[in-house]
Amino acid sequence: MSRAFVNEDNAAAQADQPVERQVSGQPNRLTAQGLAQLQARVAQLQHAYSAEAAKGEQADKQRQADLERDLRYFNQRVQSAQVVPPALSTDKVQIGSWVTFANEQDEQQRIQLVGEDQADAHAHLINWGSPLGRALLGAQVGDEVLWKRPVGDQLIEVMRIEPEA
């Protein structure tokens, strides 16, 4: 048999496998709420996997493979979690802090710094390791910090720091 046929067979077998989810190299620091959300996600995935496996021969093999991949990812995220103490200070921005800042046009935004898996820009939950998160982390009220954005750097001022709710 030609070597080309062997490689095609291997490629076809690998095409059925989902691409692994990439784990960030950033430390997995998160809030207690973020850890609870990760644990809930693992429980949800385990339930879905058990339900799919219970179908036996009728089970959707691709769905099972996707669920297994997601379980590996989220279990790893739970194992690597570093829960930070609740952000109670109003003096310095920490993971969990709610921060109100203003740009050079005095437009204000209010965001909370959270862990990577908890981040949701639409809900104003920003990854502490993102450019905005890194700019704000450790800042105090009145500090001007440089937010290094892909579309251009922007100077922002910390207006208010509120504790984690």
C-alpha atoms as a PDB file:
ATOM      1  CA  MET A   1       0.000   0.000   0.000  1.00  0.00           C
ATOM      2  CA  SER A   2       1.243   3.449  -0.847  1.00  0.00           C
ATOM      3  CA  ARG A   3       2.317   5.711   2.019  1.00  0.00           C
ATOM      4  CA  ALA A   4      -0.077   8.370   0.702  1.00  0.00           C
ATOM      5  CA  PHE A   5      -3.098   6.173   1.504  1.00  0.00           C
ATOM      6  CA  VAL A   6      -1.900   5.678   5.090  1.00  0.00           C
ATOM      7  CA  ASN A   7      -1.576   9.428   5.606  1.00  0.00           C
ATOM      8  CA  GLU A   8      -5.047  10.043   4.142  1.00  0.00           C
ATOM      9  CA  ASP A   9      -6.520   7.475   6.549  1.00  0.00           C
ATOM     10  CA  ASN A  10      -4.828   9.205   9.496  1.00  0.00           C
ATOM     11  CA  ALA A  11      -6.046  12.602   8.331  1.00  0.00           C
ATOM     12  CA  ALA A  12      -9.629  11.329   8.039  1.00  0.00           C
ATOM     13  CA  ALA A  13      -9.498   9.862  11.549  1.00  0.00           C
ATOM     14  CA  GLN A  14      -8.148  13.117  12.983  1.00  0.00           C
ATOM     15  CA  ALA A  15     -10.832  15.175  11.231  1.00  0.00           C
ATOM     16  CA  ASP A  16     -13.427  13.559  13.523  1.00  0.00           C
ATOM     17  CA  GLN A  17     -11.598  14.810  16.622  1.00  0.00           C
ATOM     18  CA  PRO A  18     -12.468  18.315  17.836  1.00  0.00           C
ATOM     19  CA  VAL A  19      -9.679  20.850  18.044  1.00  0.00           C
ATOM     20  CA  GLU A  20      -8.458  21.172  21.632  1.00  0.00           C
ATOM     21  CA  ARG A  21      -9.367  24.362  23.456  1.00  0.00           C
ATOM     22  CA  GLN A  22      -6.262  26.431  24.099  1.00  0.00           C
ATOM     23  CA  VAL A  23      -5.426  27.119  27.733  1.00  0.00           C
ATOM     24  CA  SER A  24      -4.066  30.579  28.396  1.00  0.00           C
ATOM     25  CA  GLY A  25      -0.556  30.965  29.781  1.00  0.00           C
ATOM     26  CA  GLN A  26      -1.830  33.672  32.147  1.00  0.00           C
ATOM     27  CA  PRO A  27      -2.243  32.624  35.816  1.00  0.00           C
ATOM     28  CA  ASN A  28      -5.838  31.538  36.401  1.00  0.00           C
ATOM     29  CA  ARG A  29      -6.674  34.142  39.066  1.00  0.00           C
ATOM     30  CA  LEU A  30     -10.385  34.580  39.593  1.00  0.00           C
ATOM     31  CA  THR A  31     -13.070  35.549  42.071  1.00  0.00           C
ATOM     32  CA  ALA A  32     -14.953  33.039  44.218  1.00  0.00           C
ATOM     33  CA  GLN A  33     -17.962  33.636  41.953  1.00  0.00           C
ATOM     34  CA  GLY A  34     -15.802  32.852  38.921  1.00  0.00           C
ATOM     35  CA  LEU A  35     -14.753  29.525  40.464  1.00  0.00           C
ATOM     36  CA  ALA A  36     -18.383  28.679  41.231  1.00  0.00           C
ATOM     37  CA  GLN A  37     -19.261  29.389  37.584  1.00  0.00           C
ATOM     38  CA  LEU A  38     -16.456  27.093  36.387  1.00  0.00           C
ATOM     39  CA  GLN A  39     -17.608  24.319  38.715  1.00  0.00           C
ATOM     40  CA  ALA A  40     -21.198  24.728  37.515  1.00  0.00           C
ATOM     41  CA  ARG A  41     -19.991  24.475  33.907  1.00  0.00           C
ATOM     42  CA  VAL A  42     -18.144  21.226  34.688  1.00  0.00           C
ATOM     43  CA  ALA A  43     -21.282  19.791  36.329  1.00  0.00           C
ATOM     44  CA  GLN A  44     -23.393  20.834  33.329  1.00  0.00           C
ATOM     45  CA  LEU A  45     -20.935  19.220  30.895  1.00  0.00           C
ATOM     46  CA  GLN A  46     -20.750  16.023  32.965  1.00  0.00           C
ATOM     47  CA  HIS A  47     -24.547  15.787  32.954  1.00  0.00           C
ATOM     48  CA  ALA A  48     -24.691  16.336  29.173  1.00  0.00           C
ATOM     49  CA  TYR A  49     -21.948  13.750  28.606  1.00  0.00           C
ATOM     50  CA  SER A  50     -23.722  11.167  30.793  1.00  0.00           C
ATOM     51  CA  ALA A  51     -26.986  11.767  28.945  1.00  0.00           C
ATOM     52  CA  GLU A  52     -25.257  11.335  25.573  1.00  0.00           C
ATOM     53  CA  ALA A  53     -23.393   8.203  26.724  1.00  0.00           C
ATOM     54  CA  ALA A  54     -26.649   6.690  28.005  1.00  0.00           C
ATOM     55  CA  LYS A  55     -27.917   6.580  24.420  1.00  0.00           C
ATOM     56  CA  GLY A  56     -25.438   3.790  23.719  1.00  0.00           C
ATOM     57  CA  GLU A  57     -25.107   3.057  20.002  1.00  0.00           C
ATOM     58  CA  GLN A  58     -27.542   5.915  19.184  1.00  0.00           C
ATOM     59  CA  ALA A  59     -25.183   8.460  20.790  1.00  0.00           C
ATOM     60  CA  ASP A  60     -23.818  11.249  18.633  1.00  0.00           C
ATOM     61  CA  LYS A  61     -20.083  10.464  18.594  1.00  0.00           C
ATOM     62  CA  GLN A  62     -19.119  13.990  17.515  1.00  0.00           C
ATOM     63  CA  ARG A  63     -21.149  15.498  20.366  1.00  0.00           C
ATOM     64  CA  GLN A  64     -19.477  13.112  22.820  1.00  0.00           C
ATOM     65  CA  ALA A  65     -16.038  14.086  21.533  1.00  0.00           C
ATOM     66  CA  ASP A  66     -16.905  17.787  21.855  1.00  0.00           C
ATOM     67  CA  LEU A  67     -18.170  17.253  25.410  1.00  0.00           C
ATOM     68  CA  GLU A  68     -15.023  15.305  26.345  1.00  0.00           C
ATOM     69  CA  ARG A  69     -12.847  18.122  24.973  1.00  0.00           C
ATOM     70  CA  ASP A  70     -14.798  20.758  26.917  1.00  0.00           C
ATOM     71  CA  LEU A  71     -14.652  18.660  30.086  1.00  0.00           C
ATOM     72  CA  ARG A  72     -10.859  18.399  29.775  1.00  0.00           C
ATOM     73  CA  TYR A  73     -10.606  22.155  29.354  1.00  0.00           C
ATOM     74  CA  PHE A  74     -12.931  23.187  32.191  1.00  0.00           C
ATOM     75  CA  ASN A  75     -11.583  20.546  34.609  1.00  0.00           C
ATOM     76  CA  GLN A  76      -8.099  21.911  33.936  1.00  0.00           C
ATOM     77  CA  ARG A  77      -9.356  25.462  34.576  1.00  0.00           C
ATOM     78  CA  VAL A  78     -10.898  24.396  37.907  1.00  0.00           C
ATOM     79  CA  GLN A  79      -7.660  22.606  38.891  1.00  0.00           C
ATOM     80  CA  SER A  80      -5.510  25.652  38.043  1.00  0.00           C
ATOM     81  CA  ALA A  81      -7.849  28.177  39.689  1.00  0.00           C
ATOM     82  CA  GLN A  82      -6.264  30.648  42.092  1.00  0.00           C
ATOM     83  CA  VAL A  83      -9.137  32.269  43.972  1.00  0.00           C
ATOM     84  CA  VAL A  84      -8.230  35.781  45.083  1.00  0.00           C
ATOM     85  CA  PRO A  85      -9.523  37.270  48.337  1.00  0.00           C
ATOM     86  CA  PRO A  86     -12.664  39.377  47.901  1.00  0.00           C
ATOM     87  CA  ALA A  87     -11.881  42.895  46.719  1.00  0.00           C
ATOM     88  CA  LEU A  88     -13.014  44.973  49.687  1.00  0.00           C
ATOM     89  CA  SER A  89     -10.683  47.935  49.252  1.00  0.00           C
ATOM     90  CA  THR A  90     -11.773  51.212  47.731  1.00  0.00           C
ATOM     91  CA  ASP A  91      -8.139  52.419  47.737  1.00  0.00           C
ATOM     92  CA  LYS A  92      -6.596  50.223  45.061  1.00  0.00           C
ATOM     93  CA  VAL A  93      -7.958  48.314  42.047  1.00  0.00           C
ATOM     94  CA  GLN A  94      -7.874  44.536  42.563  1.00  0.00           C
ATOM     95  CA  ILE A  95      -9.357  41.523  40.832  1.00  0.00           C
ATOM     96  CA  GLY A  96     -13.043  41.721  41.751  1.00  0.00           C
ATOM     97  CA  SER A  97     -13.096  45.534  42.077  1.00  0.00           C
ATOM     98  CA  TRP A  98     -15.686  47.604  40.270  1.00  0.00           C
ATOM     99  CA  VAL A  99     -13.919  50.530  38.627  1.00  0.00           C
ATOM    100  CA  THR A 100     -15.340  53.686  37.097  1.00  0.00           C
ATOM    101  CA  PHE A 101     -12.925  55.443  34.779  1.00  0.00           C
ATOM    102  CA  ALA A 102     -13.111  58.344  32.349  1.00  0.00           C
ATOM    103  CA  ASN A 103     -11.367  58.820  29.029  1.00  0.00           C
ATOM    104  CA  GLU A 104      -9.958  62.094  27.679  1.00  0.00           C
ATOM    105  CA  GLN A 105     -13.442  63.152  26.500  1.00  0.00           C
ATOM    106  CA  ASP A 106     -14.828  62.635  30.056  1.00  0.00           C
ATOM    107  CA  GLU A 107     -16.867  59.617  28.921  1.00  0.00           C
ATOM    108  CA  GLN A 108     -17.203  57.279  31.889  1.00  0.00           C
ATOM    109  CA  GLN A 109     -17.365  53.497  31.979  1.00  0.00           C
ATOM    110  CA  ARG A 110     -17.891  51.147  34.913  1.00  0.00           C
ATOM    111  CA  ILE A 111     -16.359  47.677  34.762  1.00  0.00           C
ATOM    112  CA  GLN A 112     -15.410  44.826  37.082  1.00  0.00           C
ATOM    113  CA  LEU A 113     -12.048  43.052  36.841  1.00  0.00           C
ATOM    114  CA  VAL A 114     -12.591  39.288  36.812  1.00  0.00           C
ATOM    115  CA  GLY A 115     -10.877  36.065  35.780  1.00  0.00           C
ATOM    116  CA  GLU A 116     -10.436  35.049  32.159  1.00  0.00           C
ATOM    117  CA  ASP A 117     -13.286  32.512  32.039  1.00  0.00           C
ATOM    118  CA  GLN A 118     -15.686  34.897  33.777  1.00  0.00           C
ATOM    119  CA  ALA A 119     -15.048  37.816  31.416  1.00  0.00           C
ATOM    120  CA  ASP A 120     -18.013  39.133  29.430  1.00  0.00           C
ATOM    121  CA  ALA A 121     -17.591  42.564  27.842  1.00  0.00           C
ATOM    122  CA  HIS A 122     -21.362  42.981  27.328  1.00  0.00           C
ATOM    123  CA  ALA A 123     -21.854  42.560  31.101  1.00  0.00           C
ATOM    124  CA  HIS A 124     -18.903  44.903  31.823  1.00  0.00           C
ATOM    125  CA  LEU A 125     -16.835  42.010  33.225  1.00  0.00           C
ATOM    126  CA  ILE A 126     -13.264  42.502  32.017  1.00  0.00           C
ATOM    127  CA  ASN A 127     -10.400  39.989  32.195  1.00  0.00           C
ATOM    128  CA  TRP A 128      -7.784  41.282  34.622  1.00  0.00           C
ATOM    129  CA  GLY A 129      -5.066  40.172  32.159  1.00  0.00           C
ATOM    130  CA  SER A 130      -6.499  42.132  29.224  1.00  0.00           C
ATOM    131  CA  PRO A 131      -4.878  45.436  28.214  1.00  0.00           C
ATOM    132  CA  LEU A 132      -7.579  47.381  30.104  1.00  0.00           C
ATOM    133  CA  GLY A 133      -7.328  45.099  33.135  1.00  0.00           C
ATOM    134  CA  ARG A 134      -3.533  45.373  33.276  1.00  0.00           C
ATOM    135  CA  ALA A 135      -3.741  49.158  32.981  1.00  0.00           C
ATOM    136  CA  LEU A 136      -6.186  49.433  35.894  1.00  0.00           C
ATOM    137  CA  LEU A 137      -4.837  46.734  38.237  1.00  0.00           C
ATOM    138  CA  GLY A 138      -3.174  48.405  41.232  1.00  0.00           C
ATOM    139  CA  ALA A 139      -4.338  51.920  40.294  1.00  0.00           C
ATOM    140  CA  GLN A 140      -5.861  54.306  42.810  1.00  0.00           C
ATOM    141  CA  VAL A 141      -8.596  56.940  42.543  1.00  0.00           C
ATOM    142  CA  GLY A 142      -7.228  59.930  40.655  1.00  0.00           C
ATOM    143  CA  ASP A 143      -4.503  57.922  38.882  1.00  0.00           C
ATOM    144  CA  GLU A 144      -4.138  58.380  35.160  1.00  0.00           C
ATOM    145  CA  VAL A 145      -3.124  55.151  33.429  1.00  0.00           C
ATOM    146  CA  LEU A 146      -2.302  54.313  29.849  1.00  0.00           C
ATOM    147  CA  TRP A 147      -4.674  51.799  28.253  1.00  0.00           C
ATOM    148  CA  LYS A 148      -2.704  50.187  25.425  1.00  0.00           C
ATOM    149  CA  ARG A 149      -5.325  49.335  22.827  1.00  0.00           C
ATOM    150  CA  PRO A 150      -4.887  47.821  19.361  1.00  0.00           C
ATOM    151  CA  VAL A 151      -6.625  50.893  17.884  1.00  0.00           C
ATOM    152  CA  GLY A 152      -4.333  53.288  19.754  1.00  0.00           C
ATOM    153  CA  ASP A 153      -3.313  54.045  23.288  1.00  0.00           C
ATOM    154  CA  GLN A 154      -5.688  56.023  25.462  1.00  0.00           C
ATOM    155  CA  LEU A 155      -5.104  57.833  28.746  1.00  0.00           C
ATOM    156  CA  ILE A 156      -7.847  57.090  31.294  1.00  0.00           C
ATOM    157  CA  GLU A 157      -8.416  58.338  34.831  1.00  0.00           C
ATOM    158  CA  VAL A 158      -9.677  56.184  37.698  1.00  0.00           C
ATOM    159  CA  MET A 159     -12.732  57.980  39.102  1.00  0.00           C
ATOM    160  CA  ARG A 160     -14.119  55.459  41.620  1.00  0.00           C
ATOM    161  CA  ILE A 161     -13.242  52.046  43.048  1.00  0.00           C
ATOM    162  CA  GLU A 162     -16.018  49.966  44.584  1.00  0.00           C
ATOM    163  CA  PRO A 163     -15.692  46.670  46.461  1.00  0.00           C
ATOM    164  CA  GLU A 164     -16.783  43.365  44.972  1.00  0.00           C
ATOM    165  CA  ALA A 165     -20.531  42.945  45.397  1.00  0.00           C
END
